[in-house]
C-alpha atoms as a PDB file:
ATOM      1  CA  UNK A   1       0.403  -0.360  -0.436  1.00  0.00           C
ATOM      2  CA  UNK A   2       3.000   2.622   1.021  1.00  0.00           C
ATOM      3  CA  UNK A   3       4.538   1.842  -2.571  1.00  0.00           C
ATOM      4  CA  UNK A   4       1.317   2.556  -4.374  1.00  0.00           C
ATOM      5  CA  UNK A   5       1.259   6.136  -2.478  1.00  0.00           C
ATOM      6  CA  UNK A   6       4.184   6.271  -3.066  1.00  0.00           C
ATOM      7  CA  UNK A   7       3.927   6.003  -6.857  1.00  0.00           C
ATOM      8  CA  UNK A   8       1.087   7.978  -6.857  1.00  0.00           C
ATOM      9  CA  UNK A   9       2.738  10.947  -5.451  1.00  0.00           C
ATOM     10  CA  UNK A  10       5.407  10.304  -7.359  1.00  0.00           C
ATOM     11  CA  UNK A  11       3.041  10.666 -10.887  1.00  0.00           C
ATOM     12  CA  UNK A  12       1.415  13.721  -9.680  1.00  0.00           C
ATOM     13  CA  UNK A  13       4.529  15.385  -8.419  1.00  0.00           C
ATOM     14  CA  UNK A  14       5.659  15.008 -12.010  1.00  0.00           C
ATOM     15  CA  UNK A  15       2.851  15.657 -13.564  1.00  0.00           C
ATOM     16  CA  UNK A  16       2.232  19.126 -11.427  1.00  0.00           C
ATOM     17  CA  UNK A  17       6.527  19.994 -12.877  1.00  0.00           C
ATOM     18  CA  UNK A  18       5.260  19.488 -16.143  1.00  0.00           C
ATOM     19  CA  UNK A  19       2.112  21.823 -16.087  1.00  0.00           C
ATOM     20  CA  UNK A  20       4.147  24.452 -14.252  1.00  0.00           C
ATOM     21  CA  UNK A  21       6.595  24.124 -16.844  1.00  0.00           C
ATOM     22  CA  UNK A  22       4.443  24.663 -19.758  1.00  0.00           C
ATOM     23  CA  UNK A  23       2.972  27.444 -17.861  1.00  0.00           C
ATOM     24  CA  UNK A  24       5.370  29.509 -17.769  1.00  0.00           C
ATOM     25  CA  UNK A  25       6.430  29.481 -21.089  1.00  0.00           C
ATOM     26  CA  UNK A  26       3.414  29.719 -22.499  1.00  0.00           C
ATOM     27  CA  UNK A  27       3.085  33.289 -20.242  1.00  0.00           C
ATOM     28  CA  UNK A  28       6.316  34.782 -21.391  1.00  0.00           C
ATOM     29  CA  UNK A  29       6.866  36.196 -24.929  1.00  0.00           C
ATOM     30  CA  UNK A  30      10.617  35.238 -25.660  1.00  0.00           C
ATOM     31  CA  UNK A  31      11.924  38.272 -26.821  1.00  0.00           C
ATOM     32  CA  UNK A  32      14.118  38.917 -29.992  1.00  0.00           C
ATOM     33  CA  UNK A  33      17.000  42.485 -29.469  1.00  0.00           C
ATOM     34  CA  UNK A  34      17.066  44.134 -32.570  1.00  0.00           C
ATOM     35  CA  UNK A  35      20.091  46.265 -32.182  1.00  0.00           C
ATOM     36  CA  UNK A  36      19.642  49.103 -34.604  1.00  0.00           C
ATOM     37  CA  UNK A  37      21.873  52.249 -35.848  1.00  0.00           C
ATOM     38  CA  UNK A  38      20.334  55.360 -36.765  1.00  0.00           C
ATOM     39  CA  UNK A  39      21.062  59.028 -36.518  1.00  0.00           C
ATOM     40  CA  UNK A  40      20.290  60.752 -33.623  1.00  0.00           C
ATOM     41  CA  UNK A  41      17.290  63.308 -35.032  1.00  0.00           C
ATOM     42  CA  UNK A  42      14.358  61.621 -36.129  1.00  0.00           C
ATOM     43  CA  UNK A  43      15.696  58.303 -36.579  1.00  0.00           C
ATOM     44  CA  UNK A  44      16.245  57.875 -33.126  1.00  0.00           C
ATOM     45  CA  UNK A  45      13.308  59.721 -32.109  1.00  0.00           C
ATOM     46  CA  UNK A  46      11.230  57.506 -34.068  1.00  0.00           C
ATOM     47  CA  UNK A  47      12.529  54.401 -33.058  1.00  0.00           C
ATOM     48  CA  UNK A  48      12.768  55.236 -29.554  1.00  0.00           C
ATOM     49  CA  UNK A  49       8.451  55.967 -30.155  1.00  0.00           C
ATOM     50  CA  UNK A  50       7.725  52.967 -31.382  1.00  0.00           C
ATOM     51  CA  UNK A  51      10.004  50.589 -29.061  1.00  0.00           C
ATOM     52  CA  UNK A  52       6.953  50.488 -26.805  1.00  0.00           C
ATOM     53  CA  UNK A  53       4.938  48.535 -29.599  1.00  0.00           C
ATOM     54  CA  UNK A  54       7.680  46.776 -30.751  1.00  0.00           C
ATOM     55  CA  UNK A  55       8.437  44.664 -27.321  1.00  0.00           C
ATOM     56  CA  UNK A  56       4.427  43.965 -27.822  1.00  0.00           C
ATOM     57  CA  UNK A  57       5.471  42.085 -30.405  1.00  0.00           C
ATOM     58  CA  UNK A  58       8.484  40.108 -28.444  1.00  0.00           C
ATOM     59  CA  UNK A  59      11.320  42.463 -30.861  1.00  0.00           C
ATOM     60  CA  UNK A  60      13.236  44.812 -28.067  1.00  0.00           C
ATOM     61  CA  UNK A  61      14.851  47.831 -29.828  1.00  0.00           C
ATOM     62  CA  UNK A  62      18.894  48.216 -29.092  1.00  0.00           C
ATOM     63  CA  UNK A  63      19.691  51.496 -30.997  1.00  0.00           C
ATOM     64  CA  UNK A  64      22.744  53.210 -31.014  1.00  0.00           C
ATOM     65  CA  UNK A  65      23.165  56.643 -32.359  1.00  0.00           C
ATOM     66  CA  UNK A  66      25.604  58.101 -35.186  1.00  0.00           C
ATOM     67  CA  UNK A  67      26.800  61.628 -36.232  1.00  0.00           C
ATOM     68  CA  UNK A  68      28.259  60.774 -39.358  1.00  0.00           C
ATOM     69  CA  UNK A  69      26.767  58.772 -42.361  1.00  0.00           C
ATOM     70  CA  UNK A  70      29.937  56.924 -42.457  1.00  0.00           C
ATOM     71  CA  UNK A  71      29.790  54.346 -39.512  1.00  0.00           C
ATOM     72  CA  UNK A  72      26.051  53.034 -39.806  1.00  0.00           C
ATOM     73  CA  UNK A  73      26.985  50.781 -43.050  1.00  0.00           C
ATOM     74  CA  UNK A  74      30.318  49.683 -41.306  1.00  0.00           C
ATOM     75  CA  UNK A  75      28.641  48.840 -38.491  1.00  0.00           C
ATOM     76  CA  UNK A  76      26.061  46.588 -40.415  1.00  0.00           C
ATOM     77  CA  UNK A  77      28.506  44.621 -42.911  1.00  0.00           C
ATOM     78  CA  UNK A  78      30.895  43.757 -40.195  1.00  0.00           C
ATOM     79  CA  UNK A  79      28.007  42.270 -38.214  1.00  0.00           C
ATOM     80  CA  UNK A  80      27.893  44.914 -34.834  1.00  0.00           C
ATOM     81  CA  UNK A  81      23.945  46.079 -36.162  1.00  0.00           C
ATOM     82  CA  UNK A  82      20.856  44.245 -37.180  1.00  0.00           C
ATOM     83  CA  UNK A  83      20.089  47.229 -39.452  1.00  0.00           C
ATOM     84  CA  UNK A  84      20.141  51.066 -39.907  1.00  0.00           C
ATOM     85  CA  UNK A  85      17.957  53.777 -40.715  1.00  0.00           C
ATOM     86  CA  UNK A  86      19.584  57.521 -41.582  1.00  0.00           C
ATOM     87  CA  UNK A  87      20.280  57.200 -45.700  1.00  0.00           C
ATOM     88  CA  UNK A  88      18.267  57.135 -48.696  1.00  0.00           C
ATOM     89  CA  UNK A  89      18.272  54.636 -51.582  1.00  0.00           C
ATOM     90  CA  UNK A  90      20.247  56.437 -53.724  1.00  0.00           C
ATOM     91  CA  UNK A  91      22.978  56.495 -50.630  1.00  0.00           C
ATOM     92  CA  UNK A  92      23.059  53.127 -49.959  1.00  0.00           C
ATOM     93  CA  UNK A  93      23.319  52.111 -53.577  1.00  0.00           C
ATOM     94  CA  UNK A  94      26.351  54.104 -53.940  1.00  0.00           C
ATOM     95  CA  UNK A  95      27.726  53.143 -50.516  1.00  0.00           C
ATOM     96  CA  UNK A  96      27.431  48.929 -52.185  1.00  0.00           C
ATOM     97  CA  UNK A  97      29.128  50.316 -55.503  1.00  0.00           C
ATOM     98  CA  UNK A  98      31.234  52.005 -53.116  1.00  0.00           C
ATOM     99  CA  UNK A  99      32.334  49.112 -51.192  1.00  0.00           C
ATOM    100  CA  UNK A 100      31.551  46.023 -52.523  1.00  0.00           C
ATOM    101  CA  UNK A 101      28.777  45.960 -50.557  1.00  0.00           C
ATOM    102  CA  UNK A 102      25.367  43.748 -50.461  1.00  0.00           C
ATOM    103  CA  UNK A 103      23.228  46.086 -48.157  1.00  0.00           C
ATOM    104  CA  UNK A 104      19.379  46.117 -48.389  1.00  0.00           C
ATOM    105  CA  UNK A 105      16.533  47.966 -48.489  1.00  0.00           C
ATOM    106  CA  UNK A 106      14.416  46.864 -46.066  1.00  0.00           C
ATOM    107  CA  UNK A 107      11.442  49.298 -46.060  1.00  0.00           C
ATOM    108  CA  UNK A 108      10.926  52.922 -46.597  1.00  0.00           C
ATOM    109  CA  UNK A 109       9.869  55.310 -43.417  1.00  0.00           C
ATOM    110  CA  UNK A 110       9.750  58.816 -44.019  1.00  0.00           C
ATOM    111  CA  UNK A 111      11.369  62.020 -46.220  1.00  0.00           C
ATOM    112  CA  UNK A 112      13.302  64.773 -44.852  1.00  0.00           C
ATOM    113  CA  UNK A 113      13.355  67.324 -47.285  1.00  0.00           C
ATOM    114  CA  UNK A 114      16.637  68.946 -47.707  1.00  0.00           C
ATOM    115  CA  UNK A 115      16.714  72.817 -47.570  1.00  0.00           C
ATOM    116  CA  UNK A 116      17.705  75.934 -48.572  1.00  0.00           C
ATOM    117  CA  UNK A 117      18.659  77.854 -45.849  1.00  0.00           C
ATOM    118  CA  UNK A 118      19.807  81.913 -45.826  1.00  0.00           C
ATOM    119  CA  UNK A 119      20.590  85.076 -43.636  1.00  0.00           C
ATOM    120  CA  UNK A 120      21.087  86.920 -47.356  1.00  0.00           C
ATOM    121  CA  UNK A 121      17.997  86.863 -49.092  1.00  0.00           C
ATOM    122  CA  UNK A 122      14.398  86.144 -48.488  1.00  0.00           C
ATOM    123  CA  UNK A 123      13.477  84.183 -51.963  1.00  0.00           C
ATOM    124  CA  UNK A 124      15.814  81.078 -53.919  1.00  0.00           C
ATOM    125  CA  UNK A 125      15.134  83.798 -56.991  1.00  0.00           C
ATOM    126  CA  UNK A 126      16.775  86.583 -54.926  1.00  0.00           C
ATOM    127  CA  UNK A 127      20.252  84.923 -55.146  1.00  0.00           C
ATOM    128  CA  UNK A 128      22.676  87.388 -56.905  1.00  0.00           C
ATOM    129  CA  UNK A 129      25.051  86.666 -59.805  1.00  0.00           C
ATOM    130  CA  UNK A 130      28.379  85.460 -58.321  1.00  0.00           C
ATOM    131  CA  UNK A 131      26.541  84.076 -55.135  1.00  0.00           C
ATOM    132  CA  UNK A 132      27.607  81.239 -53.423  1.00  0.00           C
ATOM    133  CA  UNK A 133      25.880  78.374 -52.231  1.00  0.00           C
ATOM    134  CA  UNK A 134      27.267  76.243 -49.478  1.00  0.00           C
ATOM    135  CA  UNK A 135      26.528  72.454 -49.820  1.00  0.00           C
ATOM    136  CA  UNK A 136      27.469  69.022 -48.359  1.00  0.00           C
ATOM    137  CA  UNK A 137      30.073  66.490 -49.492  1.00  0.00           C
ATOM    138  CA  UNK A 138      27.455  63.968 -49.317  1.00  0.00           C
ATOM    139  CA  UNK A 139      27.499  63.371 -53.164  1.00  0.00           C
ATOM    140  CA  UNK A 140      23.960  61.177 -53.491  1.00  0.00           C
ATOM    141  CA  UNK A 141      22.374  64.568 -52.121  1.00  0.00           C
ATOM    142  CA  UNK A 142      23.610  66.294 -55.075  1.00  0.00           C
ATOM    143  CA  UNK A 143      21.005  65.511 -57.191  1.00  0.00           C
ATOM    144  CA  UNK A 144      18.384  66.160 -54.757  1.00  0.00           C
ATOM    145  CA  UNK A 145      20.163  70.443 -54.282  1.00  0.00           C
ATOM    146  CA  UNK A 146      19.901  70.531 -58.033  1.00  0.00           C
ATOM    147  CA  UNK A 147      16.444  69.415 -58.129  1.00  0.00           C
ATOM    148  CA  UNK A 148      15.305  72.721 -55.950  1.00  0.00           C
ATOM    149  CA  UNK A 149      17.975  75.233 -58.128  1.00  0.00           C
ATOM    150  CA  UNK A 150      16.689  73.642 -61.110  1.00  0.00           C
ATOM    151  CA  UNK A 151      12.862  74.057 -60.304  1.00  0.00           C
ATOM    152  CA  UNK A 152      13.720  77.929 -59.420  1.00  0.00           C
ATOM    153  CA  UNK A 153      14.556  78.489 -63.122  1.00  0.00           C
ATOM    154  CA  UNK A 154      18.298  79.235 -61.625  1.00  0.00           C
ATOM    155  CA  UNK A 155      19.853  76.732 -63.357  1.00  0.00           C
ATOM    156  CA  UNK A 156      19.538  73.895 -66.185  1.00  0.00           C
ATOM    157  CA  UNK A 157      20.767  69.895 -66.155  1.00  0.00           C
ATOM    158  CA  UNK A 158      22.120  68.512 -68.951  1.00  0.00           C
ATOM    159  CA  UNK A 159      19.667  65.891 -71.160  1.00  0.00           C
ATOM    160  CA  UNK A 160      18.971  62.510 -69.928  1.00  0.00           C
ATOM    161  CA  UNK A 161      20.811  62.653 -66.376  1.00  0.00           C
ATOM    162  CA  UNK A 162      18.962  60.884 -63.947  1.00  0.00           C
ATOM    163  CA  UNK A 163      18.763  63.179 -61.175  1.00  0.00           C
ATOM    164  CA  UNK A 164      19.597  60.919 -58.629  1.00  0.00           C
ATOM    165  CA  UNK A 165      23.451  60.542 -59.983  1.00  0.00           C
ATOM    166  CA  UNK A 166      23.557  64.027 -60.911  1.00  0.00           C
ATOM    167  CA  UNK A 167      26.518  66.046 -60.007  1.00  0.00           C
ATOM    168  CA  UNK A 168      27.550  69.930 -60.244  1.00  0.00           C
ATOM    169  CA  UNK A 169      28.859  68.876 -63.496  1.00  0.00           C
ATOM    170  CA  UNK A 170      26.103  68.217 -64.854  1.00  0.00           C
ATOM    171  CA  UNK A 171      24.995  71.436 -64.930  1.00  0.00           C
ATOM    172  CA  UNK A 172      24.311  73.130 -68.680  1.00  0.00           C
ATOM    173  CA  UNK A 173      23.299  76.408 -67.953  1.00  0.00           C
ATOM    174  CA  UNK A 174      24.140  78.490 -64.903  1.00  0.00           C
ATOM    175  CA  UNK A 175      22.856  82.320 -66.085  1.00  0.00           C
ATOM    176  CA  UNK A 176      24.179  83.591 -62.133  1.00  0.00           C
ATOM    177  CA  UNK A 177      27.591  82.063 -62.243  1.00  0.00           C
ATOM    178  CA  UNK A 178      26.449  80.248 -59.304  1.00  0.00           C
ATOM    179  CA  UNK A 179      28.992  79.395 -56.970  1.00  0.00           C
ATOM    180  CA  UNK A 180      28.346  75.570 -55.663  1.00  0.00           C
ATOM    181  CA  UNK A 181      31.380  74.357 -52.818  1.00  0.00           C
ATOM    182  CA  UNK A 182      30.341  71.460 -51.867  1.00  0.00           C
ATOM    183  CA  UNK A 183      33.123  70.325 -49.484  1.00  0.00           C
ATOM    184  CA  UNK A 184      31.683  70.161 -45.688  1.00  0.00           C
ATOM    185  CA  UNK A 185      30.700  67.695 -43.515  1.00  0.00           C
ATOM    186  CA  UNK A 186      26.489  67.739 -43.310  1.00  0.00           C
ATOM    187  CA  UNK A 187      26.886  68.009 -39.923  1.00  0.00           C
ATOM    188  CA  UNK A 188      28.491  71.094 -39.828  1.00  0.00           C
ATOM    189  CA  UNK A 189      26.212  72.548 -42.141  1.00  0.00           C
ATOM    190  CA  UNK A 190      24.067  74.319 -38.855  1.00  0.00           C
ATOM    191  CA  UNK A 191      26.572  76.256 -37.405  1.00  0.00           C
ATOM    192  CA  UNK A 192      27.720  77.840 -40.870  1.00  0.00           C
ATOM    193  CA  UNK A 193      24.473  78.881 -41.843  1.00  0.00           C
ATOM    194  CA  UNK A 194      24.197  80.227 -38.217  1.00  0.00           C
ATOM    195  CA  UNK A 195      27.547  81.574 -38.804  1.00  0.00           C
ATOM    196  CA  UNK A 196      26.271  83.153 -41.964  1.00  0.00           C
ATOM    197  CA  UNK A 197      28.676  82.101 -43.785  1.00  0.00           C
ATOM    198  CA  UNK A 198      28.056  81.895 -47.900  1.00  0.00           C
ATOM    199  CA  UNK A 199      24.663  83.354 -49.658  1.00  0.00           C
ATOM    200  CA  UNK A 200      22.973  79.995 -49.276  1.00  0.00           C
ATOM    201  CA  UNK A 201      23.053  76.950 -47.505  1.00  0.00           C
ATOM    202  CA  UNK A 202      21.439  73.639 -48.165  1.00  0.00           C
ATOM    203  CA  UNK A 203      21.029  71.762 -44.982  1.00  0.00           C
ATOM    204  CA  UNK A 204      19.367  68.263 -44.944  1.00  0.00           C
ATOM    205  CA  UNK A 205      16.354  68.069 -42.242  1.00  0.00           C
ATOM    206  CA  UNK A 206      17.405  65.768 -39.556  1.00  0.00           C
ATOM    207  CA  UNK A 207      20.648  67.844 -39.162  1.00  0.00           C
ATOM    208  CA  UNK A 208      18.462  71.477 -39.708  1.00  0.00           C
ATOM    209  CA  UNK A 209      15.978  69.904 -37.002  1.00  0.00           C
ATOM    210  CA  UNK A 210      18.650  69.071 -34.895  1.00  0.00           C
ATOM    211  CA  UNK A 211      19.721  72.336 -34.605  1.00  0.00           C
ATOM    212  CA  UNK A 212      16.624  73.868 -33.615  1.00  0.00           C
ATOM    213  CA  UNK A 213      16.050  75.093 -36.969  1.00  0.00           C
ATOM    214  CA  UNK A 214      12.312  74.532 -39.041  1.00  0.00           C
ATOM    215  CA  UNK A 215      12.857  73.811 -43.242  1.00  0.00           C
ATOM    216  CA  UNK A 216       9.262  74.417 -43.101  1.00  0.00           C
ATOM    217  CA  UNK A 217       8.819  77.967 -42.152  1.00  0.00           C
ATOM    218  CA  UNK A 218      12.844  79.428 -42.331  1.00  0.00           C
ATOM    219  CA  UNK A 219      13.807  77.787 -45.263  1.00  0.00           C
ATOM    220  CA  UNK A 220      13.562  79.968 -49.133  1.00  0.00           C
ATOM    221  CA  UNK A 221      13.288  76.527 -50.934  1.00  0.00           C
ATOM    222  CA  UNK A 222      11.808  73.169 -49.882  1.00  0.00           C
ATOM    223  CA  UNK A 223      12.123  69.845 -51.729  1.00  0.00           C
ATOM    224  CA  UNK A 224       8.928  68.690 -53.197  1.00  0.00           C
ATOM    225  CA  UNK A 225       7.083  65.795 -51.624  1.00  0.00           C
ATOM    226  CA  UNK A 226       7.501  63.454 -54.670  1.00  0.00           C
ATOM    227  CA  UNK A 227      10.994  62.846 -54.141  1.00  0.00           C
ATOM    228  CA  UNK A 228      12.726  59.732 -54.469  1.00  0.00           C
ATOM    229  CA  UNK A 229      15.120  60.056 -51.045  1.00  0.00           C
ATOM    230  CA  UNK A 230      12.696  58.858 -48.334  1.00  0.00           C
ATOM    231  CA  UNK A 231      14.777  57.276 -45.509  1.00  0.00           C
ATOM    232  CA  UNK A 232      15.047  53.479 -45.373  1.00  0.00           C
ATOM    233  CA  UNK A 233      15.527  50.476 -43.279  1.00  0.00           C
ATOM    234  CA  UNK A 234      18.728  48.764 -44.387  1.00  0.00           C
ATOM    235  CA  UNK A 235      19.532  45.127 -43.527  1.00  0.00           C
ATOM    236  CA  UNK A 236      22.394  43.123 -44.566  1.00  0.00           C
ATOM    237  CA  UNK A 237      21.303  40.942 -47.512  1.00  0.00           C
ATOM    238  CA  UNK A 238      18.547  38.286 -46.810  1.00  0.00           C
ATOM    239  CA  UNK A 239      17.486  39.408 -42.925  1.00  0.00           C
ATOM    240  CA  UNK A 240      14.986  41.392 -44.541  1.00  0.00           C
ATOM    241  CA  UNK A 241      12.766  38.618 -44.778  1.00  0.00           C
ATOM    242  CA  UNK A 242      13.301  37.907 -40.344  1.00  0.00           C
ATOM    243  CA  UNK A 243      10.386  38.272 -38.321  1.00  0.00           C
ATOM    244  CA  UNK A 244      11.796  40.599 -36.342  1.00  0.00           C
ATOM    245  CA  UNK A 245      13.079  43.466 -38.765  1.00  0.00           C
ATOM    246  CA  UNK A 246       9.307  42.759 -40.611  1.00  0.00           C
ATOM    247  CA  UNK A 247       7.141  43.341 -37.262  1.00  0.00           C
ATOM    248  CA  UNK A 248      10.098  46.839 -37.244  1.00  0.00           C
ATOM    249  CA  UNK A 249       9.132  47.557 -40.728  1.00  0.00           C
ATOM    250  CA  UNK A 250       5.484  47.242 -40.595  1.00  0.00           C
ATOM    251  CA  UNK A 251       5.516  49.377 -37.611  1.00  0.00           C
ATOM    252  CA  UNK A 252       7.050  52.122 -38.571  1.00  0.00           C
ATOM    253  CA  UNK A 253       5.007  52.133 -41.863  1.00  0.00           C
ATOM    254  CA  UNK A 254       1.538  51.870 -39.781  1.00  0.00           C
ATOM    255  CA  UNK A 255      -1.262  54.764 -40.587  1.00  0.00           C
ATOM    256  CA  UNK A 256      -0.657  55.169 -36.518  1.00  0.00           C
ATOM    257  CA  UNK A 257       3.462  55.667 -36.947  1.00  0.00           C
ATOM    258  CA  UNK A 258       3.306  57.469 -39.900  1.00  0.00           C
ATOM    259  CA  UNK A 259       0.428  60.207 -38.484  1.00  0.00           C
ATOM    260  CA  UNK A 260       3.145  60.586 -35.649  1.00  0.00           C
ATOM    261  CA  UNK A 261       5.522  61.450 -37.738  1.00  0.00           C
ATOM    262  CA  UNK A 262       3.816  63.542 -40.106  1.00  0.00           C
ATOM    263  CA  UNK A 263       2.225  65.133 -36.475  1.00  0.00           C
ATOM    264  CA  UNK A 264       5.221  65.603 -34.298  1.00  0.00           C
ATOM    265  CA  UNK A 265       7.454  67.405 -36.615  1.00  0.00           C
ATOM    266  CA  UNK A 266       5.458  68.997 -37.538  1.00  0.00           C
ATOM    267  CA  UNK A 267       6.139  68.819 -41.859  1.00  0.00           C
ATOM    268  CA  UNK A 268       9.912  69.380 -41.182  1.00  0.00           C
ATOM    269  CA  UNK A 269      10.194  65.627 -41.437  1.00  0.00           C
ATOM    270  CA  UNK A 270       7.066  63.673 -44.235  1.00  0.00           C
ATOM    271  CA  UNK A 271       5.706  60.326 -43.587  1.00  0.00           C
ATOM    272  CA  UNK A 272       6.100  58.146 -46.303  1.00  0.00           C
ATOM    273  CA  UNK A 273       2.454  57.424 -46.068  1.00  0.00           C
ATOM    274  CA  UNK A 274       0.420  60.419 -47.410  1.00  0.00           C
ATOM    275  CA  UNK A 275      -1.764  60.219 -44.300  1.00  0.00           C
ATOM    276  CA  UNK A 276      -3.271  63.406 -42.171  1.00  0.00           C
END
């Protein structure tokens, strides 16, 4: 009788342990840590905004901020990061070409309209003959800069030029002999503008907003909404199919997040989707 009771107790105790393990496994969602590199503004801000939503989906974001355009792709390519969020497709394509890379676009999120600022004139068309235009050394942005000046009627471009790969040597006519100086680090441009250097300074929205400037209200010209320069989530080839990356892109592209981008940045940063 005693043996039967001991056997019964052993069976019940084992069953209790099995039920307990199963319950523990089901009650806690398995978390996946996603290491992502981003520019401080607005990229890291947007990522911090969606982090709680992603945690509900089982994804824990570990965000590393970068102050330049050089290191994020290097860190992604060598495996230090799982993804990055700071660049547009033309920049990614040029980086891959120059570095024999295979990084890919996992999905677009927002547009940072590049804008022209000036302490000398109130309209782009008011620039005088021989005016100096200060721009960054970031070659993939040259086409979007040229497009702004072309739309203002200040320059024309050579026929057949692809605007996403255009350079200042592709200017066909420049009646006012505008001087484009393009040897400056992008992050220095807000300071250059505030110091009153040049007749106009072209600044990307992430650096403008980070320096307290509003491209919508303070610029004398701004990039149009139908720009091909949407900022993207980039990954190593094949990783864009991973569940955690898919969840990240889905949350960033959701109507809820896109509306937050529009209203939080008051138009200085535009969502990829046309939301209100």
